[in-house]
Amino acid sequence: MQLHVKLFAMLQEQLGDVIVVSVPEQPTADQIKQAIADASPNLRQVIGTARIAVNQEFTASGPLDVGTDDEIALIPPVSGG
């Protein structure tokens, strides 16, 4: 299945607003993150600490019931001062 994943902050600056990845049906958050990391290995560490949100809610572990109409986002940790 092909998913369009919205990106934010540093990931958005490096990769653009959206990345399209191929994942199995009912992927886990880790599988989505792995697919993005495979496409951009230089950002693997940031991707590893980011969180997946589906329809504006952070996900739990386990398979996700997502479809092509769902909004999927990869949100990296934020720091400020």
Protein backbone atom coordinates (compact mmCIF):
# COMPACT_ATOMS: atom_id res chain seq x y z
CA MET A 1 0.00 0.00 0.00
CA GLN A 2 1.17 3.53 -0.77
CA LEU A 3 0.85 6.14 1.98
CA HIS A 4 1.34 9.90 1.75
CA VAL A 5 3.04 11.02 4.97
CA LYS A 6 3.10 14.70 5.91
CA LEU A 7 6.39 15.97 7.28
CA PHE A 8 7.17 18.78 9.69
CA ALA A 9 10.11 20.85 10.99
CA MET A 10 13.57 19.60 9.97
CA LEU A 11 12.14 16.67 8.02
CA GLN A 12 9.98 19.01 5.96
CA GLU A 13 12.97 21.25 5.24
CA GLN A 14 15.04 18.28 4.03
CA LEU A 15 12.42 16.16 2.23
CA GLY A 16 9.52 18.48 1.38
CA ASP A 17 5.94 18.62 2.63
CA VAL A 18 4.98 15.01 1.86
CA ILE A 19 6.77 11.73 1.22
CA VAL A 20 5.12 8.70 -0.41
CA VAL A 21 6.15 5.32 1.01
CA SER A 22 5.21 1.71 0.33
CA VAL A 23 4.20 -0.28 3.41
CA PRO A 24 2.26 -3.50 4.06
CA GLU A 25 -1.48 -3.43 4.78
CA GLN A 26 -2.12 -2.40 8.40
CA PRO A 27 1.45 -1.21 8.98
CA THR A 28 2.87 -0.40 12.37
CA ALA A 29 4.23 3.06 13.14
CA ASP A 30 7.72 1.53 13.11
CA GLN A 31 7.18 0.12 9.61
CA ILE A 32 6.13 3.55 8.32
CA LYS A 33 9.16 5.17 9.96
CA GLN A 34 11.45 2.46 8.55
CA ALA A 35 10.13 3.05 5.03
CA ILE A 36 10.85 6.78 5.37
CA ALA A 37 14.31 6.10 6.83
CA ASP A 38 15.10 3.74 3.94
CA ALA A 39 14.29 6.56 1.51
CA SER A 40 16.43 9.07 3.42
CA PRO A 41 19.15 7.27 5.42
CA ASN A 42 20.94 10.49 6.38
CA LEU A 43 17.91 11.41 8.55
CA ARG A 44 17.51 7.97 10.17
CA GLN A 45 18.26 9.23 13.70
CA VAL A 46 15.69 12.04 13.54
CA ILE A 47 13.10 9.73 12.00
CA GLY A 48 13.74 7.18 14.74
CA THR A 49 12.79 9.67 17.46
CA ALA A 50 9.79 11.11 15.60
CA ARG A 51 6.19 10.11 16.28
CA ILE A 52 3.52 9.00 13.84
CA ALA A 53 0.08 10.61 14.03
CA VAL A 54 -2.99 9.35 12.18
CA ASN A 55 -5.83 11.82 11.73
CA GLN A 56 -4.17 14.19 14.21
CA GLU A 57 -3.80 11.62 17.00
CA PHE A 58 -0.52 10.01 18.03
CA THR A 59 -0.48 6.27 17.45
CA ALA A 60 0.06 3.41 19.85
CA SER A 61 2.12 0.33 19.07
CA GLY A 62 0.70 -2.45 16.95
CA PRO A 63 -0.92 -2.56 13.52
CA LEU A 64 -2.60 0.64 12.34
CA ASP A 65 -5.92 0.58 10.55
CA VAL A 66 -5.00 3.21 7.96
CA GLY A 67 -6.10 3.83 4.42
CA THR A 68 -5.13 6.17 1.64
CA ASP A 69 -7.72 8.73 2.82
CA ASP A 70 -6.27 9.00 6.33
CA GLU A 71 -3.97 11.88 7.26
CA ILE A 72 -0.63 10.45 8.35
CA ALA A 73 2.09 12.69 9.77
CA LEU A 74 5.63 12.18 10.99
CA ILE A 75 6.34 14.67 13.76
CA PRO A 76 9.90 15.03 15.07
CA PRO A 77 10.66 16.09 18.63
CA VAL A 78 10.61 19.83 19.16
CA SER A 79 12.92 21.92 21.28
CA GLY A 80 12.86 25.56 22.01
CA GLY A 81 14.27 28.14 24.23
